[in-house]
């Protein structure tokens, strides 16, 4: 009895330590299995249907919104692309995709945000200093933005079904390849979506002023020409001295009676 009591109190027991290690390994394996199964089936068809409802309920418009997203031209690896896109989708749903409270669309966003929080455990974190790598600012319609988000969830669902541990891949090398390119694009600056309209508003008054100036000049020249026309009409009636007509008149005067 005293021997068992000493083991419980922490005195070394050679037979107890391997047993505890075995129990811990079995528990760890069962927990890992539950997590893998959870990631594999976390995104269901219902979530994709929710996203399709958001897309179908959007009004078609040419208005564009600005948001940061992954530049797929720089980051071509599908796993790293989704790994980079996932936190950006979370930011978009929190900051950009806002609907009136207690509406069907607002409730869908809440469900998708809850899903994103659960999915976070299926992604490993890469170096924070590369958070902006392979990311640029997009200017697209709300419909195009929702299509991007649906594609991210759909592709994530497919990859997790094939391999629950797929997003533990280290993408630091892939991010580093396009980080310098992304930095150069940020220095250049994104195009202003309002620039064409602003340029048009500047050009129209300028064109009108030019047309008014040309019209005024033509009117002035025409009026000046109209003032000169009477003088040009009368000028042939005035005969200069020494003309044949005056010489004939002089000869008639000199004839004897």
Protein backbone atom coordinates (compact mmCIF):
# COMPACT_ATOMS: atom_id res chain seq x y z
CA UNK A 1 0.00 0.00 0.00
CA UNK A 2 2.79 2.38 0.87
CA UNK A 3 4.53 1.55 -2.41
CA UNK A 4 1.50 2.52 -4.47
CA UNK A 5 1.04 5.62 -2.40
CA UNK A 6 4.62 6.69 -3.04
CA UNK A 7 4.05 6.32 -6.79
CA UNK A 8 0.98 8.53 -6.66
CA UNK A 9 2.88 11.17 -4.73
CA UNK A 10 5.48 11.40 -7.54
CA UNK A 11 8.15 8.89 -6.53
CA UNK A 12 9.61 7.30 -9.68
CA UNK A 13 7.91 4.12 -10.80
CA UNK A 14 9.49 2.47 -13.82
CA UNK A 15 6.31 0.70 -14.88
CA UNK A 16 4.11 3.82 -14.69
CA UNK A 17 6.06 6.18 -16.99
CA UNK A 18 5.84 4.05 -20.19
CA UNK A 19 2.16 3.49 -19.52
CA UNK A 20 1.48 7.22 -19.22
CA UNK A 21 3.48 7.88 -22.42
CA UNK A 22 1.41 5.30 -24.29
CA UNK A 23 -1.84 6.81 -23.06
CA UNK A 24 -0.69 10.27 -24.14
CA UNK A 25 0.26 9.06 -27.62
CA UNK A 26 -3.09 7.35 -28.07
CA UNK A 27 -4.94 10.46 -26.93
CA UNK A 28 -2.88 12.64 -29.25
CA UNK A 29 -3.60 10.35 -32.17
CA UNK A 30 -7.32 10.38 -31.52
CA UNK A 31 -7.35 14.17 -31.24
CA UNK A 32 -5.40 14.52 -34.48
CA UNK A 33 -7.84 12.20 -36.23
CA UNK A 34 -10.79 14.30 -35.07
CA UNK A 35 -9.17 17.51 -36.35
CA UNK A 36 -8.38 15.99 -39.75
CA UNK A 37 -11.92 14.70 -40.13
CA UNK A 38 -13.25 18.07 -39.05
CA UNK A 39 -11.22 19.95 -41.67
CA UNK A 40 -12.14 17.51 -44.43
CA UNK A 41 -15.88 18.04 -43.98
CA UNK A 42 -15.99 21.54 -42.57
CA UNK A 43 -17.13 23.27 -45.78
CA UNK A 44 -20.41 21.84 -47.01
CA UNK A 45 -22.51 22.38 -50.09
CA UNK A 46 -24.85 24.49 -47.98
CA UNK A 47 -22.13 27.11 -47.51
CA UNK A 48 -21.59 27.30 -51.26
CA UNK A 49 -25.35 27.67 -51.75
CA UNK A 50 -25.33 30.57 -49.30
CA UNK A 51 -22.66 32.26 -51.39
CA UNK A 52 -24.63 31.65 -54.57
CA UNK A 53 -27.67 33.28 -52.94
CA UNK A 54 -25.54 36.35 -52.21
CA UNK A 55 -24.42 36.44 -55.84
CA UNK A 56 -27.95 36.04 -57.20
CA UNK A 57 -29.30 38.80 -54.96
CA UNK A 58 -26.77 41.40 -56.13
CA UNK A 59 -27.83 44.24 -58.39
CA UNK A 60 -25.92 44.44 -61.65
CA UNK A 61 -23.94 47.65 -61.61
CA UNK A 62 -20.82 49.11 -63.14
CA UNK A 63 -19.77 50.67 -59.82
CA UNK A 64 -16.49 49.25 -58.54
CA UNK A 65 -15.12 48.82 -55.04
CA UNK A 66 -11.48 48.59 -53.95
CA UNK A 67 -10.22 45.59 -52.00
CA UNK A 68 -6.95 43.77 -51.42
CA UNK A 69 -6.65 40.26 -52.80
CA UNK A 70 -4.09 37.75 -54.02
CA UNK A 71 -2.51 38.41 -57.39
CA UNK A 72 -2.86 35.02 -59.07
CA UNK A 73 -0.48 36.05 -61.84
CA UNK A 74 2.31 36.23 -59.25
CA UNK A 75 1.23 33.33 -57.03
CA UNK A 76 0.41 30.39 -59.29
CA UNK A 77 0.67 27.60 -56.68
CA UNK A 78 -2.99 26.68 -55.91
CA UNK A 79 -2.32 25.70 -52.29
CA UNK A 80 -0.31 28.83 -51.51
CA UNK A 81 -2.87 30.94 -53.38
CA UNK A 82 -5.70 29.71 -51.15
CA UNK A 83 -3.51 29.94 -48.07
CA UNK A 84 -2.86 33.59 -48.84
CA UNK A 85 -6.48 34.29 -49.88
CA UNK A 86 -8.11 32.83 -46.78
CA UNK A 87 -7.21 35.63 -44.29
CA UNK A 88 -7.98 38.23 -46.96
CA UNK A 89 -11.47 36.78 -47.38
CA UNK A 90 -11.95 37.14 -43.63
CA UNK A 91 -10.99 40.82 -43.82
CA UNK A 92 -13.31 41.42 -46.79
CA UNK A 93 -16.28 39.84 -45.04
CA UNK A 94 -15.63 41.95 -41.96
CA UNK A 95 -14.83 45.31 -43.57
CA UNK A 96 -16.28 45.36 -47.09
CA UNK A 97 -19.26 43.00 -47.33
CA UNK A 98 -21.74 44.73 -45.06
CA UNK A 99 -25.50 44.36 -45.21
CA UNK A 100 -28.36 45.68 -43.12
CA UNK A 101 -28.66 43.86 -39.80
CA UNK A 102 -31.06 40.91 -39.51
CA UNK A 103 -31.50 40.61 -43.27
CA UNK A 104 -30.97 37.27 -45.10
CA UNK A 105 -27.72 38.49 -46.64
CA UNK A 106 -26.42 39.73 -43.29
CA UNK A 107 -27.21 36.36 -41.70
CA UNK A 108 -25.32 34.59 -44.48
CA UNK A 109 -22.25 36.72 -43.82
CA UNK A 110 -22.40 35.85 -40.12
CA UNK A 111 -22.50 32.13 -40.93
CA UNK A 112 -19.57 32.45 -43.32
CA UNK A 113 -17.57 34.36 -40.71
CA UNK A 114 -18.22 31.61 -38.17
CA UNK A 115 -17.07 29.05 -40.74
CA UNK A 116 -13.88 31.04 -41.38
CA UNK A 117 -13.05 31.04 -37.68
CA UNK A 118 -13.39 27.26 -37.56
CA UNK A 119 -11.31 26.86 -40.71
CA UNK A 120 -8.47 28.83 -39.16
CA UNK A 121 -7.25 25.70 -37.37
CA UNK A 122 -6.71 23.97 -40.74
CA UNK A 123 -4.15 26.56 -41.93
CA UNK A 124 -0.61 26.92 -40.64
CA UNK A 125 0.71 30.44 -40.16
CA UNK A 126 3.60 31.70 -42.28
CA UNK A 127 5.97 34.55 -41.49
CA UNK A 128 4.10 37.76 -40.73
CA UNK A 129 6.60 39.96 -42.57
CA UNK A 130 5.34 38.43 -45.81
CA UNK A 131 1.67 39.21 -45.16
CA UNK A 132 1.55 41.72 -48.03
CA UNK A 133 3.49 39.55 -50.47
CA UNK A 134 1.60 38.58 -53.65
CA UNK A 135 -1.23 40.95 -52.70
CA UNK A 136 -2.46 43.92 -54.70
CA UNK A 137 -5.48 46.20 -54.81
CA UNK A 138 -8.33 45.17 -57.10
CA UNK A 139 -11.12 47.39 -58.46
CA UNK A 140 -14.11 45.22 -59.30
CA UNK A 141 -17.88 45.11 -58.99
CA UNK A 142 -19.52 43.51 -55.92
CA UNK A 143 -20.61 40.64 -58.16
CA UNK A 144 -17.02 39.93 -59.21
CA UNK A 145 -15.86 40.12 -55.59
CA UNK A 146 -18.44 37.55 -54.48
CA UNK A 147 -17.42 35.25 -57.33
CA UNK A 148 -13.82 35.39 -56.06
CA UNK A 149 -14.90 34.54 -52.51
CA UNK A 150 -17.08 31.64 -53.67
CA UNK A 151 -14.17 30.29 -55.70
CA UNK A 152 -11.90 30.42 -52.63
CA UNK A 153 -14.37 28.43 -50.50
CA UNK A 154 -15.05 25.95 -53.30
CA UNK A 155 -11.36 25.27 -54.02
CA UNK A 156 -10.58 25.05 -50.30
CA UNK A 157 -13.36 22.49 -49.88
CA UNK A 158 -12.01 20.35 -52.74
CA UNK A 159 -8.41 20.38 -51.50
CA UNK A 160 -9.37 19.59 -47.90
CA UNK A 161 -11.40 16.61 -49.05
CA UNK A 162 -8.36 15.23 -50.86
CA UNK A 163 -5.90 15.98 -48.05
CA UNK A 164 -6.93 17.47 -44.72
CA UNK A 165 -3.33 18.51 -44.02
CA UNK A 166 -2.76 20.22 -47.38
CA UNK A 167 -2.60 23.73 -45.92
CA UNK A 168 0.27 22.89 -43.60
CA UNK A 169 2.52 23.41 -46.61
CA UNK A 170 5.26 25.99 -46.11
CA UNK A 171 4.68 28.73 -48.69
CA UNK A 172 7.36 31.17 -47.55
CA UNK A 173 9.49 30.53 -50.64
CA UNK A 174 6.54 31.11 -52.95
CA UNK A 175 5.64 34.32 -51.12
CA UNK A 176 9.23 35.53 -51.27
CA UNK A 177 9.35 35.20 -55.06
CA UNK A 178 6.59 37.72 -55.61
CA UNK A 179 7.17 39.99 -52.60
CA UNK A 180 9.57 42.23 -54.53
CA UNK A 181 7.20 42.47 -57.49
CA UNK A 182 4.32 43.34 -55.19
CA UNK A 183 6.44 46.04 -53.55
CA UNK A 184 7.20 47.59 -56.92
CA UNK A 185 3.50 47.61 -57.85
CA UNK A 186 2.62 49.33 -54.59
CA UNK A 187 5.23 52.02 -55.29
CA UNK A 188 3.78 52.62 -58.74
CA UNK A 189 0.37 53.09 -57.19
CA UNK A 190 -2.96 51.61 -58.27
CA UNK A 191 -4.97 53.22 -61.05
CA UNK A 192 -7.60 55.62 -59.88
CA UNK A 193 -11.02 54.24 -60.88
CA UNK A 194 -12.43 57.78 -60.96
CA UNK A 195 -9.68 59.10 -63.24
CA UNK A 196 -11.51 58.52 -66.57
CA UNK A 197 -14.60 60.38 -65.35
CA UNK A 198 -12.48 63.18 -63.92
CA UNK A 199 -10.59 63.53 -67.20
CA UNK A 200 -13.86 63.60 -69.12
CA UNK A 201 -15.20 66.38 -66.91
CA UNK A 202 -12.08 68.40 -67.61
CA UNK A 203 -12.10 67.83 -71.36
CA UNK A 204 -15.72 68.82 -71.99
CA UNK A 205 -15.42 72.44 -70.74
CA UNK A 206 -12.10 72.79 -72.60
CA UNK A 207 -13.63 71.63 -75.86
CA UNK A 208 -16.59 73.98 -75.39
CA UNK A 209 -14.25 76.94 -74.81
CA UNK A 210 -12.25 76.11 -77.93
CA UNK A 211 -15.42 75.86 -80.02
CA UNK A 212 -16.68 79.18 -78.68
CA UNK A 213 -13.36 80.85 -79.47
CA UNK A 214 -13.31 79.46 -83.02
CA UNK A 215 -16.95 80.46 -83.54
CA UNK A 216 -16.27 83.97 -82.30
CA UNK A 217 -13.26 84.33 -84.60
CA UNK A 218 -15.24 83.17 -87.63
CA UNK A 219 -18.09 85.55 -86.78
CA UNK A 220 -15.66 88.46 -86.45
CA UNK A 221 -14.01 87.72 -89.80
CA UNK A 222 -17.36 87.38 -91.55
CA UNK A 223 -18.63 90.64 -90.14
CA UNK A 224 -15.43 92.42 -91.10
CA UNK A 225 -15.74 91.10 -94.63
CA UNK A 226 -19.35 92.29 -94.85
CA UNK A 227 -18.22 95.84 -94.00
CA UNK A 228 -15.69 95.79 -96.82
CA UNK A 229 -18.12 94.62 -99.52
CA UNK A 230 -19.78 98.06 -100.20
CA UNK A 231 -16.36 99.62 -100.77
CA UNK A 232 -15.36 96.93 -103.22
CA UNK A 233 -18.65 97.41 -105.12
CA UNK A 234 -18.23 101.20 -105.42
CA UNK A 235 -14.59 101.10 -106.39
CA UNK A 236 -15.16 100.18 -110.09
CA UNK A 237 -17.39 103.30 -110.53
CA UNK A 238 -14.51 105.57 -109.67
CA UNK A 239 -12.36 106.07 -112.73
CA UNK A 240 -8.75 107.01 -112.21
CA UNK A 241 -7.19 110.00 -113.86
CA UNK A 242 -5.79 109.38 -117.27
CA UNK A 243 -8.21 106.64 -118.10
CA UNK A 244 -9.45 106.25 -121.74
CA UNK A 245 -12.84 107.58 -120.80
CA UNK A 246 -11.54 110.86 -119.42
CA UNK A 247 -9.28 111.32 -122.39
CA UNK A 248 -12.24 110.97 -124.76
CA UNK A 249 -14.18 113.58 -122.82
CA UNK A 250 -11.26 115.96 -123.05
CA UNK A 251 -11.05 115.43 -126.78
CA UNK A 252 -14.72 116.26 -127.18
CA UNK A 253 -14.20 119.52 -125.42
CA UNK A 254 -11.27 120.49 -127.62
CA UNK A 255 -13.13 119.92 -130.89
CA UNK A 256 -13.95 123.15 -132.73
CA UNK A 257 -17.51 124.23 -132.93
